[in-house]
Amino acid sequence: MDDQGVGWIAAIIIGGVAGWLAKQFMNTDTGLLMNILLGIVGAAIASAILGMVGVTFAGWVGYLIAGFIGACILIALGRMVRS
């Protein structure tokens, strides 16, 4: 996270926004804390996956994009496990 120029407080805020966007896009009913967790963990997962391909994100916007993509992946995986 520090490599991307985003601090912990900013990561929580951006993670919440990314999680909320993923919630709206994937049509789920998660709460605020889950949105933040989905966004932060999703950003880490998406950055790792996309880093293997050679795609990197930097800064606030990059963290938001990675968080959104990762949160959508996590929501989809959660749906697959539940069904």
N, C-alpha and C. Protein backbone atom coordinates (compact mmCIF):
# COMPACT_ATOMS: atom_id res chain seq x y z
N MET A 1 0.81 -1.19 0.00
CA MET A 1 0.00 0.00 0.00
C MET A 1 0.86 1.26 0.00
N ASP A 2 1.93 1.27 0.77
CA ASP A 2 2.79 2.44 0.81
C ASP A 2 3.52 2.65 -0.51
N ASP A 3 3.78 1.57 -1.25
CA ASP A 3 4.43 1.69 -2.55
C ASP A 3 3.57 2.46 -3.54
N GLN A 4 2.26 2.40 -3.36
CA GLN A 4 1.35 3.06 -4.27
C GLN A 4 1.09 4.51 -3.87
N GLY A 5 1.64 4.96 -2.78
CA GLY A 5 1.45 6.32 -2.36
C GLY A 5 0.13 6.57 -1.65
N VAL A 6 -0.47 5.52 -1.11
CA VAL A 6 -1.75 5.64 -0.42
C VAL A 6 -1.53 5.20 1.02
N GLY A 7 -1.86 6.07 1.99
CA GLY A 7 -1.71 5.74 3.40
C GLY A 7 -2.88 4.91 3.91
N TRP A 8 -2.81 4.53 5.16
CA TRP A 8 -3.83 3.66 5.74
C TRP A 8 -5.21 4.32 5.79
N ILE A 9 -5.27 5.57 6.19
CA ILE A 9 -6.57 6.25 6.27
C ILE A 9 -7.16 6.40 4.88
N ALA A 10 -6.34 6.77 3.93
CA ALA A 10 -6.81 6.89 2.55
C ALA A 10 -7.23 5.52 2.02
N ALA A 11 -6.51 4.46 2.41
CA ALA A 11 -6.87 3.12 1.96
C ALA A 11 -8.24 2.71 2.49
N ILE A 12 -8.55 3.10 3.71
CA ILE A 12 -9.86 2.79 4.28
C ILE A 12 -10.95 3.55 3.52
N ILE A 13 -10.72 4.81 3.26
CA ILE A 13 -11.72 5.61 2.54
C ILE A 13 -11.90 5.11 1.11
N ILE A 14 -10.78 4.92 0.41
CA ILE A 14 -10.86 4.45 -0.97
C ILE A 14 -11.41 3.03 -1.02
N GLY A 15 -11.02 2.20 -0.06
CA GLY A 15 -11.54 0.83 0.01
C GLY A 15 -13.05 0.82 0.21
N GLY A 16 -13.55 1.73 1.05
CA GLY A 16 -14.99 1.84 1.24
C GLY A 16 -15.72 2.24 -0.02
N VAL A 17 -15.14 3.19 -0.75
CA VAL A 17 -15.75 3.63 -2.01
C VAL A 17 -15.70 2.50 -3.04
N ALA A 18 -14.55 1.83 -3.14
CA ALA A 18 -14.42 0.72 -4.10
C ALA A 18 -15.38 -0.41 -3.75
N GLY A 19 -15.49 -0.72 -2.47
CA GLY A 19 -16.43 -1.76 -2.04
C GLY A 19 -17.87 -1.38 -2.31
N TRP A 20 -18.19 -0.09 -2.10
CA TRP A 20 -19.55 0.36 -2.37
C TRP A 20 -19.86 0.29 -3.86
N LEU A 21 -18.91 0.70 -4.70
CA LEU A 21 -19.10 0.62 -6.15
C LEU A 21 -19.30 -0.83 -6.58
N ALA A 22 -18.50 -1.74 -6.02
CA ALA A 22 -18.65 -3.16 -6.36
C ALA A 22 -20.00 -3.69 -5.87
N LYS A 23 -20.43 -3.22 -4.71
CA LYS A 23 -21.73 -3.61 -4.18
C LYS A 23 -22.85 -3.20 -5.14
N GLN A 24 -22.77 -1.99 -5.64
CA GLN A 24 -23.77 -1.50 -6.58
C GLN A 24 -23.71 -2.27 -7.90
N PHE A 25 -22.51 -2.53 -8.38
CA PHE A 25 -22.32 -3.21 -9.66
C PHE A 25 -22.76 -4.67 -9.58
N MET A 26 -22.43 -5.35 -8.47
CA MET A 26 -22.74 -6.77 -8.32
C MET A 26 -24.09 -7.01 -7.66
N ASN A 27 -24.78 -5.94 -7.25
CA ASN A 27 -26.11 -6.01 -6.64
C ASN A 27 -26.14 -6.93 -5.42
N THR A 28 -25.34 -6.56 -4.40
CA THR A 28 -25.32 -7.29 -3.14
C THR A 28 -25.84 -6.40 -2.02
N ASP A 29 -25.98 -6.97 -0.84
CA ASP A 29 -26.49 -6.19 0.29
C ASP A 29 -25.49 -6.22 1.46
N THR A 30 -24.26 -5.79 1.18
CA THR A 30 -23.23 -5.74 2.21
C THR A 30 -23.28 -4.41 2.95
N GLY A 31 -22.75 -4.40 4.16
CA GLY A 31 -22.73 -3.19 4.96
C GLY A 31 -21.46 -2.39 4.78
N LEU A 32 -21.33 -1.32 5.53
CA LEU A 32 -20.20 -0.40 5.40
C LEU A 32 -18.88 -1.09 5.70
N LEU A 33 -18.80 -1.83 6.80
CA LEU A 33 -17.55 -2.49 7.17
C LEU A 33 -17.16 -3.53 6.12
N MET A 34 -18.11 -4.28 5.62
CA MET A 34 -17.81 -5.27 4.59
C MET A 34 -17.37 -4.59 3.30
N ASN A 35 -17.96 -3.44 2.97
CA ASN A 35 -17.53 -2.69 1.78
C ASN A 35 -16.07 -2.27 1.90
N ILE A 36 -15.69 -1.78 3.07
CA ILE A 36 -14.31 -1.36 3.29
C ILE A 36 -13.37 -2.55 3.17
N LEU A 37 -13.72 -3.66 3.80
CA LEU A 37 -12.88 -4.86 3.73
C LEU A 37 -12.78 -5.39 2.30
N LEU A 38 -13.90 -5.43 1.60
CA LEU A 38 -13.88 -5.89 0.21
C LEU A 38 -12.99 -5.00 -0.65
N GLY A 39 -13.06 -3.70 -0.45
CA GLY A 39 -12.25 -2.78 -1.24
C GLY A 39 -10.77 -2.91 -0.96
N ILE A 40 -10.39 -3.00 0.32
CA ILE A 40 -8.97 -3.10 0.68
C ILE A 40 -8.38 -4.44 0.27
N VAL A 41 -9.05 -5.52 0.66
CA VAL A 41 -8.56 -6.85 0.30
C VAL A 41 -8.63 -7.05 -1.21
N GLY A 42 -9.68 -6.54 -1.81
CA GLY A 42 -9.82 -6.64 -3.26
C GLY A 42 -8.70 -5.92 -4.00
N ALA A 43 -8.30 -4.77 -3.48
CA ALA A 43 -7.20 -4.03 -4.11
C ALA A 43 -5.90 -4.82 -4.04
N ALA A 44 -5.66 -5.46 -2.90
CA ALA A 44 -4.45 -6.27 -2.76
C ALA A 44 -4.46 -7.46 -3.71
N ILE A 45 -5.61 -8.12 -3.80
CA ILE A 45 -5.73 -9.29 -4.67
C ILE A 45 -5.62 -8.89 -6.14
N ALA A 46 -6.34 -7.86 -6.53
CA ALA A 46 -6.30 -7.43 -7.93
C ALA A 46 -4.92 -6.92 -8.32
N SER A 47 -4.24 -6.22 -7.42
CA SER A 47 -2.89 -5.74 -7.72
C SER A 47 -1.94 -6.92 -7.92
N ALA A 48 -2.09 -7.96 -7.10
CA ALA A 48 -1.24 -9.14 -7.24
C ALA A 48 -1.52 -9.88 -8.54
N ILE A 49 -2.79 -10.07 -8.84
CA ILE A 49 -3.16 -10.80 -10.07
C ILE A 49 -2.74 -10.01 -11.31
N LEU A 50 -3.05 -8.73 -11.32
CA LEU A 50 -2.72 -7.92 -12.49
C LEU A 50 -1.21 -7.67 -12.59
N GLY A 51 -0.51 -7.69 -11.45
CA GLY A 51 0.94 -7.53 -11.46
C GLY A 51 1.63 -8.70 -12.15
N MET A 52 1.03 -9.89 -12.07
CA MET A 52 1.59 -11.05 -12.77
C MET A 52 1.52 -10.88 -14.28
N VAL A 53 0.51 -10.15 -14.72
CA VAL A 53 0.33 -9.91 -16.16
C VAL A 53 1.16 -8.72 -16.63
N GLY A 54 1.58 -7.90 -15.68
CA GLY A 54 2.39 -6.73 -16.04
C GLY A 54 1.64 -5.42 -15.93
N VAL A 55 0.40 -5.45 -15.42
CA VAL A 55 -0.40 -4.24 -15.26
C VAL A 55 -0.22 -3.74 -13.83
N THR A 56 0.15 -2.48 -13.68
CA THR A 56 0.30 -1.90 -12.34
C THR A 56 -0.56 -0.65 -12.21
N PHE A 57 -1.03 -0.41 -11.00
CA PHE A 57 -1.82 0.77 -10.68
C PHE A 57 -1.06 1.59 -9.65
N ALA A 58 -1.17 2.91 -9.72
CA ALA A 58 -0.50 3.77 -8.76
C ALA A 58 -1.45 4.89 -8.34
N GLY A 59 -1.30 5.31 -7.10
CA GLY A 59 -2.05 6.45 -6.59
C GLY A 59 -3.48 6.11 -6.23
N TRP A 60 -4.23 7.15 -5.95
CA TRP A 60 -5.60 7.01 -5.47
C TRP A 60 -6.51 6.36 -6.50
N VAL A 61 -6.44 6.82 -7.73
CA VAL A 61 -7.32 6.30 -8.78
C VAL A 61 -6.98 4.84 -9.08
N GLY A 62 -5.71 4.53 -9.13
CA GLY A 62 -5.29 3.16 -9.36
C GLY A 62 -5.75 2.23 -8.26
N TYR A 63 -5.63 2.70 -7.01
CA TYR A 63 -6.08 1.91 -5.87
C TYR A 63 -7.59 1.70 -5.93
N LEU A 64 -8.33 2.71 -6.35
CA LEU A 64 -9.78 2.60 -6.49
C LEU A 64 -10.15 1.59 -7.56
N ILE A 65 -9.48 1.65 -8.70
CA ILE A 65 -9.75 0.70 -9.79
C ILE A 65 -9.42 -0.73 -9.36
N ALA A 66 -8.25 -0.90 -8.75
CA ALA A 66 -7.85 -2.23 -8.28
C ALA A 66 -8.81 -2.74 -7.21
N GLY A 67 -9.22 -1.86 -6.30
CA GLY A 67 -10.16 -2.25 -5.25
C GLY A 67 -11.50 -2.67 -5.82
N PHE A 68 -11.99 -1.95 -6.81
CA PHE A 68 -13.25 -2.29 -7.45
C PHE A 68 -13.17 -3.65 -8.14
N ILE A 69 -12.11 -3.85 -8.91
CA ILE A 69 -11.95 -5.13 -9.63
C ILE A 69 -11.83 -6.28 -8.63
N GLY A 70 -11.00 -6.10 -7.62
CA GLY A 70 -10.80 -7.15 -6.62
C GLY A 70 -12.05 -7.43 -5.81
N ALA A 71 -12.79 -6.39 -5.44
CA ALA A 71 -14.02 -6.58 -4.68
C ALA A 71 -15.05 -7.34 -5.51
N CYS A 72 -15.13 -7.04 -6.79
CA CYS A 72 -16.05 -7.78 -7.67
C CYS A 72 -15.65 -9.25 -7.76
N ILE A 73 -14.34 -9.51 -7.82
CA ILE A 73 -13.86 -10.89 -7.83
C ILE A 73 -14.23 -11.60 -6.54
N LEU A 74 -14.03 -10.93 -5.41
CA LEU A 74 -14.36 -11.54 -4.12
C LEU A 74 -15.86 -11.81 -3.98
N ILE A 75 -16.69 -10.89 -4.43
CA ILE A 75 -18.14 -11.09 -4.37
C ILE A 75 -18.54 -12.28 -5.24
N ALA A 76 -17.96 -12.38 -6.44
CA ALA A 76 -18.27 -13.49 -7.33
C ALA A 76 -17.82 -14.82 -6.73
N LEU A 77 -16.63 -14.84 -6.11
CA LEU A 77 -16.17 -16.05 -5.46
C LEU A 77 -17.07 -16.45 -4.29
N GLY A 78 -17.51 -15.45 -3.52
CA GLY A 78 -18.43 -15.72 -2.42
C GLY A 78 -19.73 -16.31 -2.90
N ARG A 79 -20.24 -15.83 -4.01
CA ARG A 79 -21.46 -16.38 -4.57
C ARG A 79 -21.27 -17.81 -5.04
N MET A 80 -20.11 -18.12 -5.63
CA MET A 80 -19.84 -19.48 -6.10
C MET A 80 -19.74 -20.45 -4.93
N VAL A 81 -19.15 -20.02 -3.83
CA VAL A 81 -19.00 -20.89 -2.67
C VAL A 81 -20.35 -21.15 -2.00
N ARG A 82 -21.19 -20.13 -1.93
CA ARG A 82 -22.50 -20.28 -1.28
C ARG A 82 -23.46 -21.16 -2.06
N SER A 83 -23.36 -21.16 -3.40
CA SER A 83 -24.33 -21.92 -4.18
C SER A 83 -23.85 -23.31 -4.52
